[in-house]
Structure formats: C-alpha cells, structure tokens
Amino acid sequence: MACRDDGFHAARRRLRELLDKYGLAGTDFVNQLHRELYSADFLSEESKLDLTEWMAEVDYRLVEGGGEQIQLDALTARLVTHLKQ
C-alpha cells in the first residue's frame, strides 16, 4: 500500500530499509513477496498474475547475475505504476 500512497522514492527507501534490517538478499525478498502476494485482498486476480510474472523475471535476472539494486528498483517501479492505476 505504501507504493500506491507514497510513490516510488518512499517505496524504494522502505525496501532498502527492509533488506538492510533483516539482511535479505534480493532473491529472498522476491520469494517472500511472492509468498505474501496471494493474501493481498486489495489486488485483483489479474494484478496478482501480472505481479507474479514480474517477480519471476526479476528473480531470473538476479540468479543470472543481474545487479540487485537495479532489478529491485525496476520491480518497485512496476509495482508503483501498477498500483497507481
């Protein structure tokens, strides 16, 4: 919900805080986000499908050696854009 209300920069800052606080790798965060996605009552089934595709793409790129920060920023940007619609 913070993505929708506060925008990209706030969401990005909160993501960095979570990763630092809990010592998570990017793939760990994406996997946890995926587990929590289906309990999000405020999202339609179509939105959940779109988000799952985006998370799979980001996870693949992270595993293949893509830069963690840029991949997570791209996912955050997509989330913010999608939720603001």
N, C-alpha and C. Protein backbone atom coordinates (compact mmCIF):
# COMPACT_ATOMS: atom_id res chain seq x y z
N MET A 1 0.82 -1.19 0.00
CA MET A 1 0.00 0.00 0.00
C MET A 1 0.87 1.26 0.00
N ALA A 2 2.03 1.19 0.61
CA ALA A 2 2.90 2.35 0.63
C ALA A 2 3.30 2.75 -0.78
N CYS A 3 3.44 1.76 -1.67
CA CYS A 3 3.79 2.06 -3.06
C CYS A 3 2.74 2.97 -3.68
N ARG A 4 1.51 2.66 -3.44
CA ARG A 4 0.41 3.43 -4.05
C ARG A 4 0.30 4.81 -3.43
N ASP A 5 0.43 4.90 -2.13
CA ASP A 5 0.21 6.16 -1.43
C ASP A 5 1.39 7.12 -1.50
N ASP A 6 2.60 6.60 -1.36
CA ASP A 6 3.77 7.46 -1.21
C ASP A 6 4.65 7.58 -2.44
N GLY A 7 4.51 6.69 -3.41
CA GLY A 7 5.29 6.77 -4.63
C GLY A 7 6.58 5.99 -4.59
N PHE A 8 7.30 6.10 -5.68
CA PHE A 8 8.49 5.29 -5.91
C PHE A 8 9.59 5.51 -4.89
N HIS A 9 9.95 6.76 -4.63
CA HIS A 9 11.10 7.02 -3.76
C HIS A 9 10.89 6.51 -2.34
N ALA A 10 9.69 6.69 -1.81
CA ALA A 10 9.40 6.18 -0.47
C ALA A 10 9.40 4.65 -0.45
N ALA A 11 8.83 4.05 -1.48
CA ALA A 11 8.80 2.58 -1.56
C ALA A 11 10.22 2.02 -1.68
N ARG A 12 11.03 2.66 -2.48
CA ARG A 12 12.43 2.23 -2.65
C ARG A 12 13.19 2.35 -1.34
N ARG A 13 12.99 3.44 -0.64
CA ARG A 13 13.65 3.64 0.65
C ARG A 13 13.22 2.58 1.66
N ARG A 14 11.92 2.26 1.69
CA ARG A 14 11.43 1.22 2.61
C ARG A 14 11.98 -0.15 2.25
N LEU A 15 12.08 -0.42 0.97
CA LEU A 15 12.66 -1.69 0.54
C LEU A 15 14.10 -1.82 1.01
N ARG A 16 14.89 -0.77 0.81
CA ARG A 16 16.29 -0.79 1.26
C ARG A 16 16.37 -1.00 2.77
N GLU A 17 15.48 -0.34 3.53
CA GLU A 17 15.47 -0.50 4.99
C GLU A 17 15.17 -1.94 5.38
N LEU A 18 14.21 -2.56 4.70
CA LEU A 18 13.88 -3.96 4.98
C LEU A 18 15.05 -4.89 4.68
N LEU A 19 15.66 -4.69 3.53
CA LEU A 19 16.79 -5.54 3.15
C LEU A 19 17.94 -5.40 4.14
N ASP A 20 18.22 -4.17 4.55
CA ASP A 20 19.31 -3.92 5.50
C ASP A 20 18.98 -4.45 6.90
N LYS A 21 17.76 -4.20 7.35
CA LYS A 21 17.36 -4.60 8.70
C LYS A 21 17.40 -6.11 8.89
N TYR A 22 16.89 -6.83 7.89
CA TYR A 22 16.79 -8.28 8.02
C TYR A 22 17.90 -9.03 7.29
N GLY A 23 18.78 -8.32 6.64
CA GLY A 23 19.90 -8.95 5.95
C GLY A 23 19.47 -9.85 4.80
N LEU A 24 18.45 -9.41 4.07
CA LEU A 24 17.91 -10.22 2.98
C LEU A 24 18.65 -9.95 1.68
N ALA A 25 18.78 -11.00 0.89
CA ALA A 25 19.26 -10.84 -0.48
C ALA A 25 18.04 -10.51 -1.35
N GLY A 26 18.29 -10.01 -2.53
CA GLY A 26 17.20 -9.66 -3.44
C GLY A 26 16.30 -10.84 -3.75
N THR A 27 16.88 -12.01 -3.98
CA THR A 27 16.07 -13.20 -4.28
C THR A 27 15.22 -13.60 -3.09
N ASP A 28 15.75 -13.43 -1.88
CA ASP A 28 14.97 -13.73 -0.68
C ASP A 28 13.74 -12.83 -0.59
N PHE A 29 13.95 -11.55 -0.88
CA PHE A 29 12.84 -10.61 -0.84
C PHE A 29 11.78 -10.94 -1.88
N VAL A 30 12.21 -11.23 -3.10
CA VAL A 30 11.26 -11.55 -4.17
C VAL A 30 10.47 -12.81 -3.80
N ASN A 31 11.15 -13.82 -3.26
CA ASN A 31 10.46 -15.04 -2.85
C ASN A 31 9.45 -14.78 -1.74
N GLN A 32 9.80 -13.97 -0.76
CA GLN A 32 8.86 -13.64 0.32
C GLN A 32 7.69 -12.83 -0.20
N LEU A 33 7.96 -11.90 -1.08
CA LEU A 33 6.89 -11.10 -1.70
C LEU A 33 5.93 -12.01 -2.45
N HIS A 34 6.46 -12.98 -3.15
CA HIS A 34 5.63 -13.93 -3.88
C HIS A 34 4.74 -14.74 -2.93
N ARG A 35 5.29 -15.17 -1.80
CA ARG A 35 4.50 -15.93 -0.82
C ARG A 35 3.37 -15.09 -0.24
N GLU A 36 3.60 -13.81 -0.05
CA GLU A 36 2.60 -12.93 0.56
C GLU A 36 1.58 -12.39 -0.44
N LEU A 37 1.89 -12.48 -1.70
CA LEU A 37 1.05 -11.88 -2.75
C LEU A 37 -0.38 -12.40 -2.72
N TYR A 38 -0.55 -13.66 -2.50
CA TYR A 38 -1.89 -14.25 -2.62
C TYR A 38 -2.80 -13.95 -1.44
N SER A 39 -2.26 -13.40 -0.38
CA SER A 39 -3.12 -12.98 0.73
C SER A 39 -3.48 -11.50 0.64
N ALA A 40 -3.03 -10.83 -0.41
CA ALA A 40 -3.31 -9.40 -0.60
C ALA A 40 -4.72 -9.24 -1.16
N ASP A 41 -5.66 -8.92 -0.28
CA ASP A 41 -7.06 -8.80 -0.68
C ASP A 41 -7.35 -7.59 -1.56
N PHE A 42 -6.49 -6.60 -1.55
CA PHE A 42 -6.73 -5.37 -2.31
C PHE A 42 -6.33 -5.49 -3.78
N LEU A 43 -5.79 -6.65 -4.18
CA LEU A 43 -5.38 -6.86 -5.57
C LEU A 43 -6.33 -7.81 -6.27
N SER A 44 -6.60 -7.53 -7.54
CA SER A 44 -7.42 -8.43 -8.34
C SER A 44 -6.57 -9.64 -8.75
N GLU A 45 -7.24 -10.68 -9.23
CA GLU A 45 -6.52 -11.87 -9.70
C GLU A 45 -5.61 -11.52 -10.88
N GLU A 46 -6.08 -10.64 -11.75
CA GLU A 46 -5.27 -10.23 -12.90
C GLU A 46 -4.00 -9.51 -12.44
N SER A 47 -4.14 -8.65 -11.44
CA SER A 47 -2.98 -7.95 -10.90
C SER A 47 -1.98 -8.92 -10.29
N LYS A 48 -2.50 -9.90 -9.57
CA LYS A 48 -1.63 -10.90 -8.96
C LYS A 48 -0.86 -11.69 -10.02
N LEU A 49 -1.53 -11.99 -11.13
CA LEU A 49 -0.85 -12.69 -12.22
C LEU A 49 0.25 -11.83 -12.83
N ASP A 50 -0.05 -10.55 -13.07
CA ASP A 50 0.96 -9.64 -13.61
C ASP A 50 2.16 -9.53 -12.67
N LEU A 51 1.89 -9.35 -11.40
CA LEU A 51 2.97 -9.21 -10.43
C LEU A 51 3.80 -10.48 -10.34
N THR A 52 3.16 -11.63 -10.44
CA THR A 52 3.91 -12.89 -10.41
C THR A 52 4.86 -12.98 -11.59
N GLU A 53 4.40 -12.57 -12.77
CA GLU A 53 5.28 -12.57 -13.94
C GLU A 53 6.47 -11.64 -13.75
N TRP A 54 6.22 -10.48 -13.21
CA TRP A 54 7.30 -9.51 -12.98
C TRP A 54 8.30 -10.05 -11.97
N MET A 55 7.78 -10.65 -10.89
CA MET A 55 8.68 -11.19 -9.88
C MET A 55 9.52 -12.33 -10.44
N ALA A 56 8.93 -13.16 -11.30
CA ALA A 56 9.68 -14.26 -11.91
C ALA A 56 10.80 -13.72 -12.79
N GLU A 57 10.50 -12.67 -13.53
CA GLU A 57 11.52 -12.06 -14.39
C GLU A 57 12.68 -11.49 -13.57
N VAL A 58 12.33 -10.77 -12.51
CA VAL A 58 13.36 -10.18 -11.65
C VAL A 58 14.17 -11.29 -10.96
N ASP A 59 13.51 -12.32 -10.47
CA ASP A 59 14.21 -13.41 -9.81
C ASP A 59 15.18 -14.08 -10.77
N TYR A 60 14.75 -14.33 -12.00
CA TYR A 60 15.61 -14.93 -13.01
C TYR A 60 16.85 -14.06 -13.25
N ARG A 61 16.63 -12.78 -13.41
CA ARG A 61 17.75 -11.88 -13.67
C ARG A 61 18.71 -11.81 -12.50
N LEU A 62 18.18 -11.85 -11.29
CA LEU A 62 19.05 -11.85 -10.11
C LEU A 62 19.90 -13.11 -10.05
N VAL A 63 19.29 -14.24 -10.30
CA VAL A 63 20.00 -15.52 -10.28
C VAL A 63 21.07 -15.56 -11.36
N GLU A 64 20.80 -14.94 -12.50
CA GLU A 64 21.74 -14.94 -13.61
C GLU A 64 22.83 -13.87 -13.46
N GLY A 65 22.82 -13.13 -12.36
CA GLY A 65 23.89 -12.18 -12.10
C GLY A 65 23.56 -10.73 -12.37
N GLY A 66 22.29 -10.43 -12.57
CA GLY A 66 21.89 -9.03 -12.78
C GLY A 66 22.10 -8.23 -11.50
N GLY A 67 22.34 -6.96 -11.64
CA GLY A 67 22.56 -6.10 -10.48
C GLY A 67 21.34 -6.05 -9.58
N GLU A 68 21.55 -6.36 -8.30
CA GLU A 68 20.43 -6.45 -7.37
C GLU A 68 19.66 -5.14 -7.24
N GLN A 69 20.36 -4.05 -7.06
CA GLN A 69 19.68 -2.78 -6.84
C GLN A 69 18.83 -2.37 -8.04
N ILE A 70 19.37 -2.50 -9.23
CA ILE A 70 18.62 -2.08 -10.42
C ILE A 70 17.43 -3.00 -10.66
N GLN A 71 17.58 -4.29 -10.39
CA GLN A 71 16.47 -5.22 -10.58
C GLN A 71 15.34 -4.95 -9.58
N LEU A 72 15.70 -4.72 -8.32
CA LEU A 72 14.68 -4.44 -7.31
C LEU A 72 14.05 -3.07 -7.53
N ASP A 73 14.83 -2.11 -8.02
CA ASP A 73 14.26 -0.81 -8.36
C ASP A 73 13.26 -0.94 -9.52
N ALA A 74 13.59 -1.78 -10.49
CA ALA A 74 12.68 -2.00 -11.62
C ALA A 74 11.38 -2.64 -11.14
N LEU A 75 11.48 -3.61 -10.25
CA LEU A 75 10.29 -4.24 -9.70
C LEU A 75 9.47 -3.23 -8.91
N THR A 76 10.12 -2.42 -8.11
CA THR A 76 9.43 -1.40 -7.33
C THR A 76 8.73 -0.40 -8.25
N ALA A 77 9.39 0.01 -9.31
CA ALA A 77 8.78 0.94 -10.27
C ALA A 77 7.54 0.33 -10.90
N ARG A 78 7.62 -0.94 -11.27
CA ARG A 78 6.45 -1.60 -11.85
C ARG A 78 5.31 -1.70 -10.85
N LEU A 79 5.63 -2.03 -9.62
CA LEU A 79 4.61 -2.11 -8.58
C LEU A 79 3.92 -0.76 -8.38
N VAL A 80 4.70 0.29 -8.25
CA VAL A 80 4.14 1.62 -8.03
C VAL A 80 3.26 2.02 -9.21
N THR A 81 3.74 1.83 -10.41
CA THR A 81 2.98 2.17 -11.61
C THR A 81 1.69 1.38 -11.67
N HIS A 82 1.74 0.11 -11.40
CA HIS A 82 0.58 -0.76 -11.47
C HIS A 82 -0.45 -0.38 -10.39
N LEU A 83 0.01 -0.12 -9.19
CA LEU A 83 -0.90 0.17 -8.09
C LEU A 83 -1.53 1.55 -8.20
N LYS A 84 -0.91 2.47 -8.89
CA LYS A 84 -1.46 3.82 -9.04
C LYS A 84 -2.55 3.89 -10.10
N GLN A 85 -2.71 2.84 -10.88
CA GLN A 85 -3.72 2.84 -11.95
C GLN A 85 -5.10 2.66 -11.37
